[in-house]
Amino acid sequence: VAAKNCRKCKLNAILNLEEDVCNLQTQKESLKKEHSQCSRSISWMKQKLNNLYGDIFSTLKDDQGRPVNPCEYVIHCSSDSSVIIIPKHSVKSEQKPDNDKEQKQK
């Protein structure tokens, strides 16, 4: 009787584990689909952002009326919703201390 109960318990444990595996495989497939959808959304947003960036720079002119070179300038949006165009070299020098702080924290 004890051996029979042990085998029954073991069989129930195996069945529960098989059910868990099946549920996890279903969850994995669902997460893969969600990841794929998120990746497509991110790609779409990046494309829209690049288009917007290009549209903005195509209309900008410097003090002498020449087009602003998007390779030399970036659009900066601050927390107060103001938007400014700044040279890339000043952005890189501002970002270096932040990166150093992040590396020190790690």
PDB file of N, CA and C in Angstrom:
ATOM      1  N   VAL A   1       0.838  -1.191   0.000  1.00  0.00           N
ATOM      2  CA  VAL A   1       0.000   0.000   0.000  1.00  0.00           C
ATOM      3  C   VAL A   1       0.884   1.256   0.000  1.00  0.00           C
ATOM      4  N   ALA A   2       1.936   1.232   0.802  1.00  0.00           N
ATOM      5  CA  ALA A   2       2.830   2.394   0.856  1.00  0.00           C
ATOM      6  C   ALA A   2       3.511   2.610  -0.488  1.00  0.00           C
ATOM      7  N   ALA A   3       3.945   1.531  -1.120  1.00  0.00           N
ATOM      8  CA  ALA A   3       4.589   1.640  -2.427  1.00  0.00           C
ATOM      9  C   ALA A   3       3.600   2.161  -3.467  1.00  0.00           C
ATOM     10  N   LYS A   4       2.349   1.687  -3.378  1.00  0.00           N
ATOM     11  CA  LYS A   4       1.304   2.137  -4.311  1.00  0.00           C
ATOM     12  C   LYS A   4       1.066   3.633  -4.141  1.00  0.00           C
ATOM     13  N   ASN A   5       0.976   4.091  -2.891  1.00  0.00           N
ATOM     14  CA  ASN A   5       0.775   5.521  -2.625  1.00  0.00           C
ATOM     15  C   ASN A   5       1.969   6.349  -3.111  1.00  0.00           C
ATOM     16  N   CYS A   6       3.153   5.803  -2.931  1.00  0.00           N
ATOM     17  CA  CYS A   6       4.373   6.494  -3.388  1.00  0.00           C
ATOM     18  C   CYS A   6       4.377   6.635  -4.901  1.00  0.00           C
ATOM     19  N   ARG A   7       4.032   5.552  -5.604  1.00  0.00           N
ATOM     20  CA  ARG A   7       3.970   5.608  -7.076  1.00  0.00           C
ATOM     21  C   ARG A   7       2.905   6.592  -7.539  1.00  0.00           C
ATOM     22  N   LYS A   8       1.741   6.603  -6.860  1.00  0.00           N
ATOM     23  CA  LYS A   8       0.653   7.517  -7.208  1.00  0.00           C
ATOM     24  C   LYS A   8       1.095   8.972  -6.997  1.00  0.00           C
ATOM     25  N   CYS A   9       1.766   9.218  -5.878  1.00  0.00           N
ATOM     26  CA  CYS A   9       2.263  10.568  -5.586  1.00  0.00           C
ATOM     27  C   CYS A   9       3.286  10.993  -6.631  1.00  0.00           C
ATOM     28  N   LYS A  10       4.179  10.085  -6.977  1.00  0.00           N
ATOM     29  CA  LYS A  10       5.207  10.372  -7.980  1.00  0.00           C
ATOM     30  C   LYS A  10       4.566  10.652  -9.336  1.00  0.00           C
ATOM     31  N   LEU A  11       3.567   9.862  -9.710  1.00  0.00           N
ATOM     32  CA  LEU A  11       2.864  10.064 -10.979  1.00  0.00           C
ATOM     33  C   LEU A  11       2.163  11.415 -10.997  1.00  0.00           C
ATOM     34  N   ASN A  12       1.526  11.784  -9.876  1.00  0.00           N
ATOM     35  CA  ASN A  12       0.866  13.094  -9.790  1.00  0.00           C
ATOM     36  C   ASN A  12       1.879  14.225  -9.927  1.00  0.00           C
ATOM     37  N   ALA A  13       3.044  14.049  -9.309  1.00  0.00           N
ATOM     38  CA  ALA A  13       4.091  15.072  -9.405  1.00  0.00           C
ATOM     39  C   ALA A  13       4.561  15.215 -10.847  1.00  0.00           C
ATOM     40  N   ILE A  14       4.739  14.091 -11.526  1.00  0.00           N
ATOM     41  CA  ILE A  14       5.163  14.118 -12.935  1.00  0.00           C
ATOM     42  C   ILE A  14       4.109  14.800 -13.798  1.00  0.00           C
ATOM     43  N   LEU A  15       2.829  14.462 -13.581  1.00  0.00           N
ATOM     44  CA  LEU A  15       1.752  15.078 -14.357  1.00  0.00           C
ATOM     45  C   LEU A  15       1.692  16.583 -14.115  1.00  0.00           C
ATOM     46  N   ASN A  16       1.872  16.995 -12.861  1.00  0.00           N
ATOM     47  CA  ASN A  16       1.870  18.430 -12.553  1.00  0.00           C
ATOM     48  C   ASN A  16       3.043  19.139 -13.222  1.00  0.00           C
ATOM     49  N   LEU A  17       4.203  18.498 -13.221  1.00  0.00           N
ATOM     50  CA  LEU A  17       5.371  19.095 -13.880  1.00  0.00           C
ATOM     51  C   LEU A  17       5.177  19.184 -15.387  1.00  0.00           C
ATOM     52  N   GLU A  18       4.591  18.175 -15.994  1.00  0.00           N
ATOM     53  CA  GLU A  18       4.315  18.212 -17.436  1.00  0.00           C
ATOM     54  C   GLU A  18       3.339  19.338 -17.761  1.00  0.00           C
ATOM     55  N   GLU A  19       2.346  19.523 -16.897  1.00  0.00           N
ATOM     56  CA  GLU A  19       1.383  20.611 -17.098  1.00  0.00           C
ATOM     57  C   GLU A  19       2.082  21.967 -16.966  1.00  0.00           C
ATOM     58  N   ASP A  20       2.972  22.076 -15.978  1.00  0.00           N
ATOM     59  CA  ASP A  20       3.734  23.316 -15.804  1.00  0.00           C
ATOM     60  C   ASP A  20       4.599  23.608 -17.035  1.00  0.00           C
ATOM     61  N   VAL A  21       5.245  22.576 -17.566  1.00  0.00           N
ATOM     62  CA  VAL A  21       6.075  22.735 -18.762  1.00  0.00           C
ATOM     63  C   VAL A  21       5.228  23.214 -19.932  1.00  0.00           C
ATOM     64  N   CYS A  22       4.067  22.614 -20.089  1.00  0.00           N
ATOM     65  CA  CYS A  22       3.168  23.011 -21.184  1.00  0.00           C
ATOM     66  C   CYS A  22       2.736  24.468 -21.026  1.00  0.00           C
ATOM     67  N   ASN A  23       2.374  24.851 -19.801  1.00  0.00           N
ATOM     68  CA  ASN A  23       1.971  26.245 -19.544  1.00  0.00           C
ATOM     69  C   ASN A  23       3.119  27.211 -19.803  1.00  0.00           C
ATOM     70  N   LEU A  24       4.322  26.831 -19.400  1.00  0.00           N
ATOM     71  CA  LEU A  24       5.478  27.696 -19.626  1.00  0.00           C
ATOM     72  C   LEU A  24       5.815  27.827 -21.106  1.00  0.00           C
ATOM     73  N   GLN A  25       5.633  26.750 -21.864  1.00  0.00           N
ATOM     74  CA  GLN A  25       5.870  26.830 -23.307  1.00  0.00           C
ATOM     75  C   GLN A  25       4.862  27.768 -23.963  1.00  0.00           C
ATOM     76  N   THR A  26       3.613  27.692 -23.516  1.00  0.00           N
ATOM     77  CA  THR A  26       2.581  28.597 -24.038  1.00  0.00           C
ATOM     78  C   THR A  26       2.926  30.042 -23.688  1.00  0.00           C
ATOM     79  N   GLN A  27       3.351  30.257 -22.442  1.00  0.00           N
ATOM     80  CA  GLN A  27       3.734  31.596 -22.016  1.00  0.00           C
ATOM     81  C   GLN A  27       4.936  32.097 -22.807  1.00  0.00           C
ATOM     82  N   LYS A  28       5.886  31.217 -23.073  1.00  0.00           N
ATOM     83  CA  LYS A  28       7.078  31.586 -23.848  1.00  0.00           C
ATOM     84  C   LYS A  28       6.680  32.045 -25.247  1.00  0.00           C
ATOM     85  N   GLU A  29       5.790  31.311 -25.893  1.00  0.00           N
ATOM     86  CA  GLU A  29       5.334  31.696 -27.233  1.00  0.00           C
ATOM     87  C   GLU A  29       4.617  33.040 -27.201  1.00  0.00           C
ATOM     88  N   SER A  30       3.816  33.249 -26.184  1.00  0.00           N
ATOM     89  CA  SER A  30       3.109  34.517 -26.046  1.00  0.00           C
ATOM     90  C   SER A  30       4.100  35.666 -25.865  1.00  0.00           C
ATOM     91  N   LEU A  31       5.114  35.452 -25.049  1.00  0.00           N
ATOM     92  CA  LEU A  31       6.132  36.485 -24.833  1.00  0.00           C
ATOM     93  C   LEU A  31       6.951  36.747 -26.089  1.00  0.00           C
ATOM     94  N   LYS A  32       7.208  35.695 -26.870  1.00  0.00           N
ATOM     95  CA  LYS A  32       7.919  35.891 -28.138  1.00  0.00           C
ATOM     96  C   LYS A  32       7.113  36.778 -29.079  1.00  0.00           C
ATOM     97  N   LYS A  33       5.804  36.532 -29.148  1.00  0.00           N
ATOM     98  CA  LYS A  33       4.936  37.352 -30.004  1.00  0.00           C
ATOM     99  C   LYS A  33       4.922  38.796 -29.517  1.00  0.00           C
ATOM    100  N   GLU A  34       4.822  38.975 -28.197  1.00  0.00           N
ATOM    101  CA  GLU A  34       4.814  40.315 -27.627  1.00  0.00           C
ATOM    102  C   GLU A  34       6.135  41.029 -27.908  1.00  0.00           C
ATOM    103  N   HIS A  35       7.228  40.311 -27.776  1.00  0.00           N
ATOM    104  CA  HIS A  35       8.555  40.885 -28.063  1.00  0.00           C
ATOM    105  C   HIS A  35       8.649  41.314 -29.521  1.00  0.00           C
ATOM    106  N   SER A  36       8.149  40.465 -30.396  1.00  0.00           N
ATOM    107  CA  SER A  36       8.175  40.783 -31.824  1.00  0.00           C
ATOM    108  C   SER A  36       7.351  42.036 -32.119  1.00  0.00           C
ATOM    109  N   GLN A  37       6.169  42.126 -31.502  1.00  0.00           N
ATOM    110  CA  GLN A  37       5.325  43.301 -31.705  1.00  0.00           C
ATOM    111  C   GLN A  37       6.007  44.559 -31.166  1.00  0.00           C
ATOM    112  N   CYS A  38       6.643  44.438 -30.007  1.00  0.00           N
ATOM    113  CA  CYS A  38       7.354  45.584 -29.423  1.00  0.00           C
ATOM    114  C   CYS A  38       8.517  46.011 -30.317  1.00  0.00           C
ATOM    115  N   SER A  39       9.232  45.050 -30.861  1.00  0.00           N
ATOM    116  CA  SER A  39      10.352  45.362 -31.754  1.00  0.00           C
ATOM    117  C   SER A  39       9.865  46.084 -33.000  1.00  0.00           C
ATOM    118  N   ARG A  40       8.736  45.612 -33.562  1.00  0.00           N
ATOM    119  CA  ARG A  40       8.178  46.297 -34.736  1.00  0.00           C
ATOM    120  C   ARG A  40       7.741  47.710 -34.380  1.00  0.00           C
ATOM    121  N   SER A  41       7.131  47.884 -33.211  1.00  0.00           N
ATOM    122  CA  SER A  41       6.694  49.216 -32.789  1.00  0.00           C
ATOM    123  C   SER A  41       7.889  50.147 -32.605  1.00  0.00           C
ATOM    124  N   ILE A  42       8.939  49.637 -32.013  1.00  0.00           N
ATOM    125  CA  ILE A  42      10.139  50.456 -31.809  1.00  0.00           C
ATOM    126  C   ILE A  42      10.741  50.845 -33.154  1.00  0.00           C
ATOM    127  N   SER A  43      10.810  49.906 -34.080  1.00  0.00           N
ATOM    128  CA  SER A  43      11.351  50.214 -35.415  1.00  0.00           C
ATOM    129  C   SER A  43      10.500  51.273 -36.100  1.00  0.00           C
ATOM    130  N   TRP A  44       9.189  51.138 -35.988  1.00  0.00           N
ATOM    131  CA  TRP A  44       8.277  52.106 -36.601  1.00  0.00           C
ATOM    132  C   TRP A  44       8.484  53.484 -35.975  1.00  0.00           C
ATOM    133  N   MET A  45       8.609  53.531 -34.633  1.00  0.00           N
ATOM    134  CA  MET A  45       8.805  54.812 -33.952  1.00  0.00           C
ATOM    135  C   MET A  45      10.149  55.429 -34.323  1.00  0.00           C
ATOM    136  N   LYS A  46      11.191  54.607 -34.436  1.00  0.00           N
ATOM    137  CA  LYS A  46      12.499  55.122 -34.848  1.00  0.00           C
ATOM    138  C   LYS A  46      12.425  55.726 -36.239  1.00  0.00           C
ATOM    139  N   GLN A  47      11.722  55.047 -37.143  1.00  0.00           N
ATOM    140  CA  GLN A  47      11.577  55.567 -38.498  1.00  0.00           C
ATOM    141  C   GLN A  47      10.821  56.895 -38.490  1.00  0.00           C
ATOM    142  N   LYS A  48       9.738  56.959 -37.718  1.00  0.00           N
ATOM    143  CA  LYS A  48       8.968  58.200 -37.629  1.00  0.00           C
ATOM    144  C   LYS A  48       9.822  59.323 -37.030  1.00  0.00           C
ATOM    145  N   LEU A  49      10.617  58.996 -36.008  1.00  0.00           N
ATOM    146  CA  LEU A  49      11.485  59.989 -35.389  1.00  0.00           C
ATOM    147  C   LEU A  49      12.541  60.480 -36.378  1.00  0.00           C
ATOM    148  N   ASN A  50      13.126  59.556 -37.134  1.00  0.00           N
ATOM    149  CA  ASN A  50      14.108  59.954 -38.144  1.00  0.00           C
ATOM    150  C   ASN A  50      13.476  60.837 -39.209  1.00  0.00           C
ATOM    151  N   ASN A  51      12.259  60.499 -39.620  1.00  0.00           N
ATOM    152  CA  ASN A  51      11.556  61.338 -40.600  1.00  0.00           C
ATOM    153  C   ASN A  51      11.289  62.724 -40.034  1.00  0.00           C
ATOM    154  N   LEU A  52      10.847  62.781 -38.778  1.00  0.00           N
ATOM    155  CA  LEU A  52      10.581  64.061 -38.141  1.00  0.00           C
ATOM    156  C   LEU A  52      11.867  64.872 -38.001  1.00  0.00           C
ATOM    157  N   TYR A  53      12.912  64.200 -37.595  1.00  0.00           N
ATOM    158  CA  TYR A  53      14.220  64.845 -37.456  1.00  0.00           C
ATOM    159  C   TYR A  53      14.654  65.441 -38.800  1.00  0.00           C
ATOM    160  N   GLY A  54      14.505  64.662 -39.867  1.00  0.00           N
ATOM    161  CA  GLY A  54      14.854  65.147 -41.203  1.00  0.00           C
ATOM    162  C   GLY A  54      13.995  66.319 -41.631  1.00  0.00           C
ATOM    163  N   ASP A  55      12.693  66.238 -41.348  1.00  0.00           N
ATOM    164  CA  ASP A  55      11.789  67.342 -41.698  1.00  0.00           C
ATOM    165  C   ASP A  55      12.170  68.617 -40.958  1.00  0.00           C
ATOM    166  N   ILE A  56      12.496  68.476 -39.691  1.00  0.00           N
ATOM    167  CA  ILE A  56      12.864  69.665 -38.900  1.00  0.00           C
ATOM    168  C   ILE A  56      14.137  70.285 -39.446  1.00  0.00           C
ATOM    169  N   PHE A  57      15.162  69.458 -39.669  1.00  0.00           N
ATOM    170  CA  PHE A  57      16.432  70.009 -40.148  1.00  0.00           C
ATOM    171  C   PHE A  57      16.334  70.535 -41.577  1.00  0.00           C
ATOM    172  N   SER A  58      15.409  70.035 -42.365  1.00  0.00           N
ATOM    173  CA  SER A  58      15.275  70.540 -43.729  1.00  0.00           C
ATOM    174  C   SER A  58      14.725  71.963 -43.749  1.00  0.00           C
ATOM    175  N   THR A  59      14.063  72.375 -42.671  1.00  0.00           N
ATOM    176  CA  THR A  59      13.506  73.724 -42.619  1.00  0.00           C
ATOM    177  C   THR A  59      14.378  74.713 -41.850  1.00  0.00           C
ATOM    178  N   LEU A  60      15.369  74.227 -41.139  1.00  0.00           N
ATOM    179  CA  LEU A  60      16.198  75.111 -40.316  1.00  0.00           C
ATOM    180  C   LEU A  60      17.296  75.786 -41.141  1.00  0.00           C
ATOM    181  N   LYS A  61      17.544  77.037 -40.792  1.00  0.00           N
ATOM    182  CA  LYS A  61      18.613  77.816 -41.432  1.00  0.00           C
ATOM    183  C   LYS A  61      19.458  78.451 -40.335  1.00  0.00           C
ATOM    184  N   ASP A  62      20.754  78.634 -40.617  1.00  0.00           N
ATOM    185  CA  ASP A  62      21.611  79.310 -39.647  1.00  0.00           C
ATOM    186  C   ASP A  62      21.459  80.821 -39.805  1.00  0.00           C
ATOM    187  N   ASP A  63      22.295  81.585 -39.096  1.00  0.00           N
ATOM    188  CA  ASP A  63      22.201  83.055 -39.111  1.00  0.00           C
ATOM    189  C   ASP A  63      22.425  83.646 -40.492  1.00  0.00           C
ATOM    190  N   GLN A  64      23.165  82.918 -41.338  1.00  0.00           N
ATOM    191  CA  GLN A  64      23.468  83.426 -42.670  1.00  0.00           C
ATOM    192  C   GLN A  64      22.538  82.831 -43.728  1.00  0.00           C
ATOM    193  N   GLY A  65      21.509  82.133 -43.316  1.00  0.00           N
ATOM    194  CA  GLY A  65      20.530  81.593 -44.249  1.00  0.00           C
ATOM    195  C   GLY A  65      20.884  80.255 -44.867  1.00  0.00           C
ATOM    196  N   ARG A  66      21.970  79.663 -44.407  1.00  0.00           N
ATOM    197  CA  ARG A  66      22.367  78.356 -44.934  1.00  0.00           C
ATOM    198  C   ARG A  66      21.646  77.256 -44.156  1.00  0.00           C
ATOM    199  N   PRO A  67      21.417  76.102 -44.800  1.00  0.00           N
ATOM    200  CA  PRO A  67      20.772  74.993 -44.080  1.00  0.00           C
ATOM    201  C   PRO A  67      21.647  74.502 -42.924  1.00  0.00           C
ATOM    202  N   VAL A  68      21.008  74.120 -41.825  1.00  0.00           N
ATOM    203  CA  VAL A  68      21.730  73.594 -40.664  1.00  0.00           C
ATOM    204  C   VAL A  68      22.078  72.142 -40.947  1.00  0.00           C
ATOM    205  N   ASN A  69      23.343  71.791 -40.721  1.00  0.00           N
ATOM    206  CA  ASN A  69      23.823  70.436 -40.984  1.00  0.00           C
ATOM    207  C   ASN A  69      23.425  69.506 -39.834  1.00  0.00           C
ATOM    208  N   PRO A  70      22.571  68.488 -40.086  1.00  0.00           N
ATOM    209  CA  PRO A  70      22.157  67.585 -39.012  1.00  0.00           C
ATOM    210  C   PRO A  70      23.295  66.721 -38.471  1.00  0.00           C
ATOM    211  N   CYS A  71      24.410  66.665 -39.195  1.00  0.00           N
ATOM    212  CA  CYS A  71      25.566  65.919 -38.700  1.00  0.00           C
ATOM    213  C   CYS A  71      26.318  66.698 -37.626  1.00  0.00           C
ATOM    214  N   GLU A  72      26.110  68.012 -37.583  1.00  0.00           N
ATOM    215  CA  GLU A  72      26.822  68.855 -36.635  1.00  0.00           C
ATOM    216  C   GLU A  72      25.969  69.317 -35.463  1.00  0.00           C
ATOM    217  N   TYR A  73      24.650  69.170 -35.568  1.00  0.00           N
ATOM    218  CA  TYR A  73      23.748  69.663 -34.530  1.00  0.00           C
ATOM    219  C   TYR A  73      22.751  68.575 -34.131  1.00  0.00           C
ATOM    220  N   VAL A  74      22.225  68.723 -32.913  1.00  0.00           N
ATOM    221  CA  VAL A  74      21.184  67.819 -32.429  1.00  0.00           C
ATOM    222  C   VAL A  74      20.027  68.638 -31.876  1.00  0.00           C
ATOM    223  N   ILE A  75      18.869  68.025 -31.850  1.00  0.00           N
ATOM    224  CA  ILE A  75      17.695  68.654 -31.257  1.00  0.00           C
ATOM    225  C   ILE A  75      17.637  68.211 -29.805  1.00  0.00           C
ATOM    226  N   HIS A  76      17.538  69.161 -28.904  1.00  0.00           N
ATOM    227  CA  HIS A  76      17.488  68.857 -27.474  1.00  0.00           C
ATOM    228  C   HIS A  76      16.144  69.302 -26.914  1.00  0.00           C
ATOM    229  N   CYS A  77      15.429  68.378 -26.291  1.00  0.00           N
ATOM    230  CA  CYS A  77      14.154  68.681 -25.649  1.00  0.00           C
ATOM    231  C   CYS A  77      14.363  68.651 -24.146  1.00  0.00           C
ATOM    232  N   SER A  78      14.046  69.747 -23.482  1.00  0.00           N
ATOM    233  CA  SER A  78      14.234  69.793 -22.034  1.00  0.00           C
ATOM    234  C   SER A  78      12.951  69.400 -21.311  1.00  0.00           C
ATOM    235  N   SER A  79      13.042  69.269 -19.998  1.00  0.00           N
ATOM    236  CA  SER A  79      11.891  68.835 -19.204  1.00  0.00           C
ATOM    237  C   SER A  79      10.766  69.873 -19.180  1.00  0.00           C
ATOM    238  N   ASP A  80      11.089  71.138 -19.475  1.00  0.00           N
ATOM    239  CA  ASP A  80      10.048  72.169 -19.505  1.00  0.00           C
ATOM    240  C   ASP A  80       9.438  72.329 -20.902  1.00  0.00           C
ATOM    241  N   SER A  81       9.630  71.343 -21.751  1.00  0.00           N
ATOM    242  CA  SER A  81       9.063  71.273 -23.108  1.00  0.00           C
ATOM    243  C   SER A  81       9.691  72.248 -24.090  1.00  0.00           C
ATOM    244  N   SER A  82      10.796  72.875 -23.734  1.00  0.00           N
ATOM    245  CA  SER A  82      11.465  73.741 -24.694  1.00  0.00           C
ATOM    246  C   SER A  82      12.361  72.890 -25.589  1.00  0.00           C
ATOM    247  N   VAL A  83      12.490  73.325 -26.840  1.00  0.00           N
ATOM    248  CA  VAL A  83      13.285  72.603 -27.831  1.00  0.00           C
ATOM    249  C   VAL A  83      14.342  73.548 -28.375  1.00  0.00           C
ATOM    250  N   ILE A  84      15.601  73.084 -28.335  1.00  0.00           N
ATOM    251  CA  ILE A  84      16.688  73.909 -28.858  1.00  0.00           C
ATOM    252  C   ILE A  84      17.595  73.049 -29.740  1.00  0.00           C
ATOM    253  N   ILE A  85      18.315  73.719 -30.612  1.00  0.00           N
ATOM    254  CA  ILE A  85      19.294  73.065 -31.481  1.00  0.00           C
ATOM    255  C   ILE A  85      20.675  73.391 -30.911  1.00  0.00           C
ATOM    256  N   ILE A  86      21.449  72.353 -30.606  1.00  0.00           N
ATOM    257  CA  ILE A  86      22.774  72.573 -30.034  1.00  0.00           C
ATOM    258  C   ILE A  86      23.818  71.783 -30.809  1.00  0.00           C
ATOM    259  N   PRO A  87      25.053  72.284 -30.810  1.00  0.00           N
ATOM    260  CA  PRO A  87      26.131  71.560 -31.503  1.00  0.00           C
ATOM    261  C   PRO A  87      26.387  70.200 -30.841  1.00  0.00           C
ATOM    262  N   LYS A  88      26.696  69.204 -31.653  1.00  0.00           N
ATOM    263  CA  LYS A  88      26.939  67.858 -31.131  1.00  0.00           C
ATOM    264  C   LYS A  88      28.121  67.818 -30.181  1.00  0.00           C
ATOM    265  N   HIS A  89      29.174  68.589 -30.460  1.00  0.00           N
ATOM    266  CA  HIS A  89      30.361  68.535 -29.604  1.00  0.00           C
ATOM    267  C   HIS A  89      30.041  68.977 -28.187  1.00  0.00           C
ATOM    268  N   SER A  90      29.089  69.881 -27.989  1.00  0.00           N
ATOM    269  CA  SER A  90      28.738  70.292 -26.628  1.00  0.00           C
ATOM    270  C   SER A  90      27.891  69.224 -25.941  1.00  0.00           C
ATOM    271  N   VAL A  91      27.141  68.464 -26.693  1.00  0.00           N
ATOM    272  CA  VAL A  91      26.345  67.379 -26.121  1.00  0.00           C
ATOM    273  C   VAL A  91      27.256  66.273 -25.626  1.00  0.00           C
ATOM    274  N   LYS A  92      28.261  65.928 -26.396  1.00  0.00           N
ATOM    275  CA  LYS A  92      29.184  64.857 -26.013  1.00  0.00           C
ATOM    276  C   LYS A  92      29.941  65.222 -24.749  1.00  0.00           C
ATOM    277  N   SER A  93      30.382  66.476 -24.623  1.00  0.00           N
ATOM    278  CA  SER A  93      31.131  66.872 -23.440  1.00  0.00           C
ATOM    279  C   SER A  93      30.233  66.914 -22.213  1.00  0.00           C
ATOM    280  N   GLU A  94      28.939  67.215 -22.386  1.00  0.00           N
ATOM    281  CA  GLU A  94      28.005  67.215 -21.265  1.00  0.00           C
ATOM    282  C   GLU A  94      27.678  65.801 -20.829  1.00  0.00           C
ATOM    283  N   GLN A  95      27.670  64.852 -21.736  1.00  0.00           N
ATOM    284  CA  GLN A  95      27.279  63.488 -21.416  1.00  0.00           C
ATOM    285  C   GLN A  95      28.399  62.705 -20.740  1.00  0.00           C
ATOM    286  N   LYS A  96      29.635  63.065 -20.958  1.00  0.00           N
ATOM    287  CA  LYS A  96      30.755  62.302 -20.396  1.00  0.00           C
ATOM    288  C   LYS A  96      30.714  62.235 -18.870  1.00  0.00           C
ATOM    289  N   PRO A  97      30.475  63.340 -18.141  1.00  0.00           N
ATOM    290  CA  PRO A  97      30.428  63.231 -16.685  1.00  0.00           C
ATOM    291  C   PRO A  97      29.307  62.302 -16.209  1.00  0.00           C
ATOM    292  N   ASP A  98      28.152  62.327 -16.864  1.00  0.00           N
ATOM    293  CA  ASP A  98      27.051  61.456 -16.490  1.00  0.00           C
ATOM    294  C   ASP A  98      27.459  59.998 -16.652  1.00  0.00           C
ATOM    295  N   ASN A  99      28.138  59.704 -17.748  1.00  0.00           N
ATOM    296  CA  ASN A  99      28.582  58.324 -17.985  1.00  0.00           C
ATOM    297  C   ASN A  99      29.583  57.896 -16.923  1.00  0.00           C
ATOM    298  N   ASP A 100      30.473  58.819 -16.525  1.00  0.00           N
ATOM    299  CA  ASP A 100      31.446  58.515 -15.484  1.00  0.00           C
ATOM    300  C   ASP A 100      30.741  58.230 -14.165  1.00  0.00           C
ATOM    301  N   LYS A 101      29.712  59.021 -13.852  1.00  0.00           N
ATOM    302  CA  LYS A 101      28.957  58.799 -12.614  1.00  0.00           C
ATOM    303  C   LYS A 101      28.271  57.447 -12.636  1.00  0.00           C
ATOM    304  N   GLU A 102      27.682  57.092 -13.787  1.00  0.00           N
ATOM    305  CA  GLU A 102      27.003  55.801 -13.915  1.00  0.00           C
ATOM    306  C   GLU A 102      27.984  54.660 -13.741  1.00  0.00           C
ATOM    307  N   GLN A 103      29.188  54.791 -14.308  1.00  0.00           N
ATOM    308  CA  GLN A 103      30.174  53.728 -14.197  1.00  0.00           C
ATOM    309  C   GLN A 103      30.666  53.604 -12.759  1.00  0.00           C
ATOM    310  N   LYS A 104      30.798  54.733 -12.046  1.00  0.00           N
ATOM    311  CA  LYS A 104      31.252  54.682 -10.659  1.00  0.00           C
ATOM    312  C   LYS A 104      30.198  54.021  -9.778  1.00  0.00           C
ATOM    313  N   GLN A 105      28.915  54.254 -10.099  1.00  0.00           N
ATOM    314  CA  GLN A 105      27.846  53.655  -9.311  1.00  0.00           C
ATOM    315  C   GLN A 105      27.788  52.163  -9.482  1.00  0.00           C
ATOM    316  N   LYS A 106      28.185  51.657 -10.642  1.00  0.00           N
ATOM    317  CA  LYS A 106      28.163  50.225 -10.892  1.00  0.00           C
ATOM    318  C   LYS A 106      29.261  49.575 -10.123  1.00  0.00           C
TER     319      LYS A 106
END
